[in-house]
Amino acid sequence: MKLKGEVAIVTGAGRGIGRQIALTQAAEGARVALMARTAAEIGAVAEEITAAGGVARAWPVDVTDLAATERVVAEVEADLGPVALVTNNAAAFAAIGPIWEVDPAAWWRDVETNVRGPFHLCRAVLPAMIARQRGRIINMTGGGTAGSFPMGSGYATSKAGVLRFTECVADSVADTGVLVFAMDPGLVRTAMTEYQLTSEAGQTYLPDIERLFEDHIDVPPTFAARLSVEIGSGRFDKLAGRMLMAARGDLDLSDADIDAIVGSDLRSLRVNGMPPEKPRSD
């Protein structure tokens, strides 16, 4: 078992990608703390893991609430033990359409859930991880991270921000023994994509989503789940601060492939033709 004895937190764990990540990490021996806003959903996942012989506990929480997130992390460590692996999977994508038509509050909720949530959880777990000199964090990215997504600008802006946030935190904890990664799960059929398929806004502004599913561009959530286990096991430690992609064959990356990614400074958020900025000394 690749995660035997580890304590793992998964947010958005009640359904879709998060549920599969939790199930797979538990099957690999992790004691999993399931977090989401809907108690019934994470309760059902905890029961499923327990029935299969694993260990899981459900903590209903809104990760955009800092005090609640900090309280839950303390409860997790008291109940299950020191947290070794965190997967920031909880996400929102409700604002679909051009910015002059979408509800500003919905647009901002997408950004807040997708960026503030990971910020809060990282902030809550990092001091103890740094003190133990051990821990891994996975922040989930998505569509719009590396390119324009005009009718999903809130989601895209937030997910590009998640990659930059991942880079910043990874650099902040360099040499502490704590490693931070980003992961793109690919286009997975979830409640989020079902909303894109069935809502009036989705049908109007995101018609390509339906065509992609019709063309069988449908990534199983098991890909992201298996990749999370490999990250948690240490296999991809050289790629800390970078983005792994579940749908692009990253499970099969060789050591030479990993070295090439690092050597060419790939899987990072860069402006083409411009070197990274360096702090001024004056």
Protein backbone atom coordinates (compact mmCIF):
# COMPACT_ATOMS: atom_id res chain seq x y z
CA MET A 1 0.00 0.00 0.00
CA LYS A 2 1.53 3.26 -1.14
CA LEU A 3 -0.08 5.47 1.53
CA LYS A 4 -0.19 3.02 4.44
CA GLY A 5 -0.50 4.82 7.76
CA GLU A 6 -0.69 8.29 6.24
CA VAL A 7 -3.40 10.80 7.13
CA ALA A 8 -4.92 12.50 4.10
CA ILE A 9 -7.41 15.34 3.71
CA VAL A 10 -9.59 15.56 0.60
CA THR A 11 -11.91 18.52 0.04
CA GLY A 12 -14.96 18.30 -2.17
CA ALA A 13 -14.89 14.61 -1.21
CA GLY A 14 -18.61 13.90 -1.41
CA ARG A 15 -18.88 13.28 -5.14
CA GLY A 16 -17.11 13.25 -8.47
CA ILE A 17 -13.34 13.54 -8.56
CA GLY A 18 -13.00 14.16 -4.82
CA ARG A 19 -14.97 11.05 -3.94
CA GLN A 20 -12.80 8.89 -6.20
CA ILE A 21 -9.61 10.43 -4.80
CA ALA A 22 -10.77 9.66 -1.27
CA LEU A 23 -11.74 6.08 -2.14
CA THR A 24 -8.43 5.42 -3.88
CA GLN A 25 -6.26 6.97 -1.20
CA ALA A 26 -8.11 4.95 1.44
CA ALA A 27 -7.64 1.76 -0.58
CA GLU A 28 -3.90 2.54 -0.58
CA GLY A 29 -3.88 2.63 3.21
CA ALA A 30 -4.49 6.28 4.05
CA ARG A 31 -6.74 7.38 6.89
CA VAL A 32 -8.85 9.92 5.04
CA ALA A 33 -10.54 13.05 6.34
CA LEU A 34 -13.43 13.87 4.01
CA MET A 35 -14.39 17.55 3.77
CA ALA A 36 -17.29 19.15 1.93
CA ARG A 37 -20.29 21.35 2.65
CA THR A 38 -22.84 18.55 2.24
CA ALA A 39 -22.74 16.28 5.29
CA ALA A 40 -24.87 13.52 3.75
CA GLU A 41 -22.54 13.08 0.77
CA ILE A 42 -19.29 12.81 2.70
CA GLY A 43 -21.03 10.66 5.29
CA ALA A 44 -21.95 8.19 2.56
CA VAL A 45 -18.37 8.14 1.25
CA ALA A 46 -17.04 7.54 4.76
CA GLU A 47 -19.42 4.60 5.14
CA GLU A 48 -18.31 3.21 1.78
CA ILE A 49 -14.64 3.39 2.76
CA THR A 50 -15.31 1.84 6.17
CA ALA A 51 -17.32 -0.99 4.62
CA ALA A 52 -14.34 -1.76 2.40
CA GLY A 53 -12.05 -2.02 5.42
CA GLY A 54 -10.57 1.47 5.26
CA VAL A 55 -10.55 4.38 7.69
CA ALA A 56 -12.39 7.62 6.96
CA ARG A 57 -14.14 10.40 8.87
CA ALA A 58 -16.49 13.05 7.52
CA TRP A 59 -16.16 16.72 8.46
CA PRO A 60 -18.81 19.05 6.99
CA VAL A 61 -17.10 22.39 6.40
CA ASP A 62 -17.04 25.32 4.00
CA VAL A 63 -13.36 25.85 3.25
CA THR A 64 -13.96 29.51 2.44
CA ASP A 65 -14.52 29.92 6.21
CA LEU A 66 -11.05 30.22 7.74
CA ALA A 67 -12.05 29.68 11.37
CA ALA A 68 -14.09 26.59 10.49
CA THR A 69 -11.27 25.20 8.36
CA GLU A 70 -8.71 25.68 11.13
CA ARG A 71 -11.05 24.04 13.64
CA VAL A 72 -11.60 21.02 11.43
CA VAL A 73 -7.88 20.57 10.74
CA ALA A 74 -7.25 20.54 14.49
CA GLU A 75 -9.99 17.93 14.92
CA VAL A 76 -8.56 15.80 12.11
CA GLU A 77 -5.11 15.77 13.68
CA ALA A 78 -6.55 14.97 17.10
CA ASP A 79 -8.66 12.11 15.70
CA LEU A 80 -6.62 10.61 12.86
CA GLY A 81 -3.09 11.93 13.45
CA PRO A 82 -0.67 14.33 11.74
CA VAL A 83 -1.75 15.25 8.22
CA ALA A 84 0.71 14.11 5.55
CA LEU A 85 -1.27 14.64 2.34
CA VAL A 86 -3.83 17.29 1.36
CA THR A 87 -5.83 17.39 -1.86
CA ASN A 88 -7.55 20.73 -2.43
CA ASN A 89 -10.28 19.54 -4.78
CA ALA A 90 -13.37 21.57 -3.78
CA ALA A 91 -14.33 23.87 -6.64
CA ALA A 92 -17.12 25.95 -8.16
CA PHE A 93 -18.04 26.91 -11.73
CA ALA A 94 -21.39 28.68 -11.75
CA ALA A 95 -20.67 31.85 -13.72
CA ILE A 96 -20.99 30.94 -17.41
CA GLY A 97 -21.07 33.59 -20.11
CA PRO A 98 -19.50 36.95 -20.98
CA ILE A 99 -18.59 39.07 -17.97
CA TRP A 100 -21.16 41.75 -18.83
CA GLU A 101 -23.93 39.18 -18.48
CA VAL A 102 -22.89 36.88 -15.64
CA ASP A 103 -23.94 37.53 -12.07
CA PRO A 104 -20.96 39.28 -10.42
CA ALA A 105 -21.67 37.52 -7.13
CA ALA A 106 -21.59 34.10 -8.82
CA TRP A 107 -18.37 35.03 -10.64
CA TRP A 108 -16.74 36.02 -7.37
CA ARG A 109 -17.98 32.89 -5.57
CA ASP A 110 -16.20 30.80 -8.20
CA VAL A 111 -12.97 32.68 -7.56
CA GLU A 112 -13.41 32.60 -3.81
CA THR A 113 -14.14 28.87 -3.62
CA ASN A 114 -11.35 27.93 -6.01
CA VAL A 115 -8.61 30.15 -4.58
CA ARG A 116 -9.57 31.14 -1.05
CA GLY A 117 -10.46 27.56 -0.14
CA PRO A 118 -6.99 26.16 -0.96
CA PHE A 119 -5.40 29.20 0.70
CA HIS A 120 -7.27 28.54 3.93
CA LEU A 121 -6.49 24.84 4.04
CA CYS A 122 -2.83 25.34 3.13
CA ARG A 123 -2.57 28.00 5.81
CA ALA A 124 -4.11 25.64 8.35
CA VAL A 125 -1.91 22.61 7.67
CA LEU A 126 1.43 24.13 6.75
CA PRO A 127 2.78 25.15 10.19
CA ALA A 128 2.56 21.58 11.51
CA MET A 129 3.90 20.12 8.26
CA ILE A 130 6.87 22.49 8.35
CA ALA A 131 7.51 21.67 12.01
CA ARG A 132 7.54 17.95 11.14
CA GLN A 133 9.53 18.66 7.96
CA ARG A 134 7.14 16.45 6.03
CA GLY A 135 3.98 16.82 3.95
CA ARG A 136 2.57 17.05 0.46
CA ILE A 137 -0.22 19.26 -0.86
CA ILE A 138 -2.06 18.90 -4.18
CA ASN A 139 -4.02 21.87 -5.56
CA MET A 140 -6.42 21.02 -8.36
CA THR A 141 -6.36 23.22 -11.46
CA GLY A 142 -8.61 22.88 -14.53
CA GLY A 143 -9.81 24.46 -17.76
CA GLY A 144 -8.39 27.90 -18.39
CA THR A 145 -5.22 27.37 -16.36
CA ALA A 146 -2.92 27.58 -19.37
CA GLY A 147 -5.12 29.39 -21.89
CA SER A 148 -8.09 31.66 -22.37
CA PHE A 149 -11.56 30.44 -21.39
CA PRO A 150 -13.71 33.45 -22.30
CA MET A 151 -17.12 32.13 -21.25
CA GLY A 152 -15.76 30.71 -18.02
CA SER A 153 -13.59 33.63 -16.99
CA GLY A 154 -14.16 33.32 -13.26
CA TYR A 155 -13.24 29.64 -13.23
CA ALA A 156 -10.29 30.17 -15.58
CA THR A 157 -8.96 33.16 -13.64
CA SER A 158 -9.18 31.21 -10.41
CA LYS A 159 -7.50 28.09 -11.77
CA ALA A 160 -4.63 30.06 -13.31
CA GLY A 161 -4.36 31.68 -9.90
CA VAL A 162 -4.22 28.26 -8.25
CA LEU A 163 -1.21 27.31 -10.35
CA ARG A 164 0.58 30.56 -9.48
CA PHE A 165 -0.41 30.07 -5.82
CA THR A 166 1.04 26.56 -5.96
CA GLU A 167 4.32 27.89 -7.33
CA CYS A 168 4.49 30.60 -4.67
CA VAL A 169 3.79 28.23 -1.79
CA ALA A 170 6.19 25.62 -3.15
CA ASP A 171 8.95 28.23 -3.28
CA SER A 172 8.00 29.50 0.19
CA VAL A 173 8.46 26.05 1.74
CA ALA A 174 11.55 25.06 -0.24
CA ASP A 175 14.00 23.04 1.86
CA THR A 176 11.44 22.44 4.63
CA GLY A 177 10.52 18.92 3.55
CA VAL A 178 7.03 20.07 2.47
CA LEU A 179 6.15 19.80 -1.22
CA VAL A 180 3.28 21.44 -3.11
CA PHE A 181 1.91 20.35 -6.49
CA ALA A 182 -0.81 21.34 -8.93
CA MET A 183 -2.87 18.76 -10.81
CA ASP A 184 -5.20 19.06 -13.81
CA PRO A 185 -7.70 16.16 -13.71
CA GLY A 186 -8.82 16.65 -17.32
CA LEU A 187 -12.43 16.81 -18.52
CA VAL A 188 -14.30 14.53 -16.12
CA ARG A 189 -18.06 13.99 -16.11
CA THR A 190 -19.11 15.44 -12.76
CA ALA A 191 -21.96 17.49 -11.30
CA MET A 192 -20.03 20.57 -12.43
CA THR A 193 -19.84 19.47 -16.05
CA GLU A 194 -23.46 18.27 -15.94
CA TYR A 195 -24.42 21.84 -15.04
CA GLN A 196 -22.47 23.05 -18.05
CA LEU A 197 -24.32 20.55 -20.22
CA THR A 198 -27.86 21.13 -18.95
CA SER A 199 -28.08 24.76 -17.81
CA GLU A 200 -29.32 27.40 -20.22
CA ALA A 201 -26.07 29.34 -19.85
CA GLY A 202 -24.00 26.24 -20.47
CA GLN A 203 -25.93 25.24 -23.56
CA THR A 204 -25.67 28.79 -24.89
CA TYR A 205 -22.04 29.59 -24.16
CA LEU A 206 -20.27 26.24 -23.73
CA PRO A 207 -21.59 24.04 -26.58
CA ASP A 208 -18.14 22.48 -27.06
CA ILE A 209 -18.51 20.61 -23.77
CA GLU A 210 -21.31 18.45 -25.17
CA ARG A 211 -19.34 17.83 -28.37
CA LEU A 212 -16.30 16.76 -26.37
CA PHE A 213 -18.34 14.22 -24.43
CA GLU A 214 -19.97 13.00 -27.64
CA ASP A 215 -16.44 12.48 -29.01
CA HIS A 216 -15.65 10.42 -25.89
CA ILE A 217 -13.26 13.00 -24.45
CA ASP A 218 -14.29 11.87 -21.01
CA VAL A 219 -11.51 11.31 -18.50
CA PRO A 220 -12.30 8.78 -15.76
CA PRO A 221 -11.90 10.26 -12.25
CA THR A 222 -9.69 7.26 -11.45
CA PHE A 223 -6.87 8.91 -13.41
CA ALA A 224 -6.70 11.87 -11.01
CA ALA A 225 -7.17 9.55 -8.04
CA ARG A 226 -4.28 7.30 -9.06
CA LEU A 227 -2.11 10.34 -9.78
CA SER A 228 -2.86 11.71 -6.30
CA VAL A 229 -1.60 8.46 -4.78
CA GLU A 230 1.60 8.59 -6.82
CA ILE A 231 2.19 12.19 -5.76
CA GLY A 232 1.51 11.24 -2.16
CA SER A 233 3.96 8.36 -2.39
CA GLY A 234 6.81 10.68 -3.41
CA ARG A 235 7.19 9.47 -6.96
CA PHE A 236 6.88 12.96 -8.43
CA ASP A 237 8.73 14.97 -5.79
CA LYS A 238 11.04 16.53 -8.41
CA LEU A 239 7.96 18.19 -9.94
CA ALA A 240 6.99 20.10 -6.79
CA GLY A 241 5.71 23.55 -7.73
CA ARG A 242 4.58 22.34 -11.15
CA MET A 243 1.40 20.95 -12.68
CA LEU A 244 0.81 17.29 -13.40
CA MET A 245 -1.93 16.31 -15.84
CA ALA A 246 -4.02 13.22 -15.25
CA ALA A 247 -5.30 13.05 -18.81
CA ARG A 248 -1.94 13.49 -20.53
CA GLY A 249 -0.24 10.27 -19.55
CA ASP A 250 1.59 11.66 -16.54
CA LEU A 251 1.06 8.43 -14.63
CA ASP A 252 3.56 6.94 -17.07
CA LEU A 253 6.23 9.64 -16.82
CA SER A 254 9.71 8.18 -16.62
CA ASP A 255 12.57 9.66 -14.60
CA ALA A 256 13.98 11.01 -17.87
CA ASP A 257 10.63 12.65 -18.68
CA ILE A 258 10.53 14.28 -15.25
CA ASP A 259 14.09 15.56 -15.61
CA ALA A 260 13.22 17.00 -19.04
CA ILE A 261 10.21 18.84 -17.62
CA VAL A 262 12.32 20.37 -14.87
CA GLY A 263 15.24 21.13 -17.20
CA SER A 264 13.01 22.96 -19.68
CA ASP A 265 11.01 24.70 -16.91
CA LEU A 266 7.72 23.25 -18.16
CA ARG A 267 4.37 22.80 -16.38
CA SER A 268 4.61 26.26 -14.83
CA LEU A 269 2.82 29.56 -15.36
CA ARG A 270 5.04 31.70 -17.56
CA VAL A 271 4.62 34.52 -20.07
CA ASN A 272 6.06 33.35 -23.40
CA GLY A 273 9.29 35.09 -24.27
CA MET A 274 9.72 36.68 -20.86
CA PRO A 275 12.01 35.43 -18.09
CA PRO A 276 10.65 35.06 -14.57
CA GLU A 277 10.70 38.23 -12.54
CA LYS A 278 13.35 38.63 -9.88
CA PRO A 279 12.96 40.76 -6.77
CA ARG A 280 14.63 44.15 -7.02
CA SER A 281 17.37 44.94 -4.57
CA ASP A 282 17.05 48.73 -4.75
